[in-house]
Amino acid sequence: MPLLTVVLTLIVVGVLLWLVNTYIPMDGKIKQILNVVVVIAVVLWLLYGFGVLGHSGEIRLPEIK
């Protein structure tokens, strides 16, 4: 996964989350749940993208010799 794609995606997701939090009136609990869901989704996307998580859910860590 190219680094530029990762950086641009993180910037876009961050700006969209900021816009939602700033300009859409919601209860604080709903905003907190939305923020947690987005952060978990981005972390999982990064783990898949860098090959730490496989598509079947197994965790692959590099061997240390």
N, C-alpha and C. Protein backbone atom coordinates (compact mmCIF):
# COMPACT_ATOMS: atom_id res chain seq x y z
N MET A 1 0.85 -1.17 0.00
CA MET A 1 0.00 0.00 0.00
C MET A 1 0.90 1.23 0.00
N PRO A 2 0.73 2.09 -0.98
CA PRO A 2 1.57 3.29 -1.04
C PRO A 2 1.33 4.22 0.14
N LEU A 3 2.40 4.82 0.60
CA LEU A 3 2.33 5.71 1.76
C LEU A 3 1.45 6.92 1.49
N LEU A 4 1.49 7.42 0.27
CA LEU A 4 0.68 8.58 -0.10
C LEU A 4 -0.81 8.26 0.04
N THR A 5 -1.21 7.05 -0.35
CA THR A 5 -2.61 6.63 -0.22
C THR A 5 -3.02 6.59 1.24
N VAL A 6 -2.14 6.07 2.09
CA VAL A 6 -2.44 5.99 3.52
C VAL A 6 -2.61 7.38 4.12
N VAL A 7 -1.69 8.27 3.81
CA VAL A 7 -1.73 9.63 4.36
C VAL A 7 -2.98 10.37 3.88
N LEU A 8 -3.26 10.29 2.59
CA LEU A 8 -4.43 10.98 2.05
C LEU A 8 -5.72 10.42 2.63
N THR A 9 -5.80 9.12 2.79
CA THR A 9 -7.00 8.52 3.37
C THR A 9 -7.18 8.95 4.81
N LEU A 10 -6.10 8.96 5.58
CA LEU A 10 -6.20 9.40 6.97
C LEU A 10 -6.62 10.86 7.07
N ILE A 11 -6.12 11.70 6.17
CA ILE A 11 -6.51 13.11 6.17
C ILE A 11 -7.98 13.26 5.82
N VAL A 12 -8.44 12.55 4.79
CA VAL A 12 -9.84 12.66 4.38
C VAL A 12 -10.78 12.16 5.48
N VAL A 13 -10.44 11.02 6.09
CA VAL A 13 -11.28 10.48 7.17
C VAL A 13 -11.29 11.44 8.36
N GLY A 14 -10.15 12.01 8.69
CA GLY A 14 -10.08 12.95 9.80
C GLY A 14 -10.90 14.20 9.55
N VAL A 15 -10.81 14.75 8.36
CA VAL A 15 -11.58 15.96 8.03
C VAL A 15 -13.08 15.65 8.02
N LEU A 16 -13.47 14.51 7.46
CA LEU A 16 -14.89 14.15 7.46
C LEU A 16 -15.42 13.95 8.87
N LEU A 17 -14.63 13.30 9.71
CA LEU A 17 -15.06 13.10 11.10
C LEU A 17 -15.15 14.44 11.83
N TRP A 18 -14.22 15.32 11.58
CA TRP A 18 -14.26 16.65 12.20
C TRP A 18 -15.50 17.42 11.73
N LEU A 19 -15.80 17.35 10.44
CA LEU A 19 -16.98 18.04 9.91
C LEU A 19 -18.27 17.51 10.54
N VAL A 20 -18.36 16.18 10.65
CA VAL A 20 -19.54 15.59 11.27
C VAL A 20 -19.65 16.02 12.73
N ASN A 21 -18.54 15.98 13.45
CA ASN A 21 -18.56 16.36 14.86
C ASN A 21 -18.87 17.84 15.07
N THR A 22 -18.47 18.68 14.14
CA THR A 22 -18.63 20.11 14.30
C THR A 22 -19.99 20.61 13.82
N TYR A 23 -20.45 20.14 12.67
CA TYR A 23 -21.60 20.76 12.03
C TYR A 23 -22.89 19.96 12.07
N ILE A 24 -22.87 18.72 12.49
CA ILE A 24 -24.11 17.93 12.57
C ILE A 24 -24.50 17.82 14.03
N PRO A 25 -25.66 18.36 14.38
CA PRO A 25 -26.08 18.31 15.78
C PRO A 25 -26.53 16.89 16.17
N MET A 26 -25.81 16.31 17.12
CA MET A 26 -26.12 14.98 17.62
C MET A 26 -25.87 14.97 19.11
N ASP A 27 -26.45 13.98 19.76
CA ASP A 27 -26.19 13.78 21.18
C ASP A 27 -24.71 13.39 21.35
N GLY A 28 -24.14 13.75 22.47
CA GLY A 28 -22.73 13.46 22.72
C GLY A 28 -22.40 11.98 22.71
N LYS A 29 -23.31 11.16 23.20
CA LYS A 29 -23.08 9.71 23.21
C LYS A 29 -23.01 9.15 21.80
N ILE A 30 -23.88 9.64 20.92
CA ILE A 30 -23.88 9.16 19.54
C ILE A 30 -22.59 9.58 18.84
N LYS A 31 -22.13 10.80 19.08
CA LYS A 31 -20.87 11.25 18.50
C LYS A 31 -19.71 10.40 18.99
N GLN A 32 -19.72 10.07 20.27
CA GLN A 32 -18.64 9.25 20.83
C GLN A 32 -18.64 7.87 20.21
N ILE A 33 -19.81 7.26 20.04
CA ILE A 33 -19.90 5.95 19.41
C ILE A 33 -19.43 6.02 17.97
N LEU A 34 -19.83 7.06 17.25
CA LEU A 34 -19.40 7.24 15.87
C LEU A 34 -17.89 7.38 15.78
N ASN A 35 -17.30 8.16 16.67
CA ASN A 35 -15.85 8.33 16.67
C ASN A 35 -15.14 7.01 16.94
N VAL A 36 -15.62 6.23 17.89
CA VAL A 36 -14.99 4.95 18.21
C VAL A 36 -15.10 3.99 17.03
N VAL A 37 -16.26 3.94 16.39
CA VAL A 37 -16.44 3.05 15.24
C VAL A 37 -15.51 3.43 14.09
N VAL A 38 -15.39 4.73 13.83
CA VAL A 38 -14.51 5.18 12.74
C VAL A 38 -13.05 4.88 13.06
N VAL A 39 -12.63 5.10 14.28
CA VAL A 39 -11.23 4.83 14.66
C VAL A 39 -10.94 3.33 14.56
N ILE A 40 -11.84 2.49 15.02
CA ILE A 40 -11.64 1.04 14.92
C ILE A 40 -11.58 0.61 13.46
N ALA A 41 -12.46 1.15 12.62
CA ALA A 41 -12.46 0.81 11.20
C ALA A 41 -11.15 1.23 10.52
N VAL A 42 -10.64 2.40 10.86
CA VAL A 42 -9.38 2.88 10.26
C VAL A 42 -8.21 2.02 10.73
N VAL A 43 -8.19 1.66 12.01
CA VAL A 43 -7.10 0.81 12.52
C VAL A 43 -7.14 -0.55 11.84
N LEU A 44 -8.32 -1.15 11.70
CA LEU A 44 -8.42 -2.44 11.01
C LEU A 44 -7.99 -2.31 9.55
N TRP A 45 -8.37 -1.23 8.89
CA TRP A 45 -7.97 -1.01 7.50
C TRP A 45 -6.45 -0.92 7.39
N LEU A 46 -5.83 -0.21 8.33
CA LEU A 46 -4.37 -0.10 8.31
C LEU A 46 -3.71 -1.46 8.57
N LEU A 47 -4.25 -2.24 9.49
CA LEU A 47 -3.68 -3.56 9.78
C LEU A 47 -3.80 -4.48 8.57
N TYR A 48 -4.94 -4.44 7.87
CA TYR A 48 -5.09 -5.22 6.65
C TYR A 48 -4.13 -4.71 5.57
N GLY A 49 -4.04 -3.40 5.44
CA GLY A 49 -3.21 -2.81 4.40
C GLY A 49 -1.74 -3.11 4.55
N PHE A 50 -1.25 -3.18 5.79
CA PHE A 50 0.16 -3.46 6.02
C PHE A 50 0.43 -4.95 6.22
N GLY A 51 -0.60 -5.77 6.09
CA GLY A 51 -0.41 -7.21 6.11
C GLY A 51 -0.31 -7.83 7.49
N VAL A 52 -0.64 -7.12 8.52
CA VAL A 52 -0.61 -7.69 9.87
C VAL A 52 -1.79 -8.64 10.05
N LEU A 53 -2.95 -8.24 9.54
CA LEU A 53 -4.13 -9.10 9.58
C LEU A 53 -4.38 -9.65 8.19
N GLY A 54 -4.69 -10.96 8.13
CA GLY A 54 -5.07 -11.56 6.85
C GLY A 54 -6.57 -11.42 6.66
N HIS A 55 -7.03 -11.75 5.47
CA HIS A 55 -8.46 -11.58 5.18
C HIS A 55 -9.31 -12.64 5.87
N SER A 56 -8.71 -13.70 6.35
CA SER A 56 -9.49 -14.69 7.09
C SER A 56 -9.44 -14.43 8.59
N GLY A 57 -8.74 -13.38 9.01
CA GLY A 57 -8.72 -12.99 10.41
C GLY A 57 -7.48 -13.42 11.17
N GLU A 58 -6.60 -14.21 10.54
CA GLU A 58 -5.40 -14.61 11.27
C GLU A 58 -4.43 -13.45 11.38
N ILE A 59 -3.67 -13.47 12.45
CA ILE A 59 -2.70 -12.41 12.70
C ILE A 59 -1.33 -12.94 12.28
N ARG A 60 -0.68 -12.21 11.38
CA ARG A 60 0.65 -12.61 10.91
C ARG A 60 1.66 -11.57 11.37
N LEU A 61 2.55 -11.99 12.23
CA LEU A 61 3.61 -11.10 12.67
C LEU A 61 4.94 -11.60 12.09
N PRO A 62 5.85 -10.71 11.80
CA PRO A 62 7.14 -11.14 11.25
C PRO A 62 7.93 -11.92 12.29
N GLU A 63 8.67 -12.91 11.81
CA GLU A 63 9.51 -13.70 12.71
C GLU A 63 10.76 -12.93 13.06
N ILE A 64 11.13 -12.99 14.33
CA ILE A 64 12.35 -12.33 14.80
C ILE A 64 13.40 -13.41 14.98
N LYS A 65 14.53 -13.24 14.31
CA LYS A 65 15.60 -14.26 14.38
C LYS A 65 16.75 -13.75 15.20
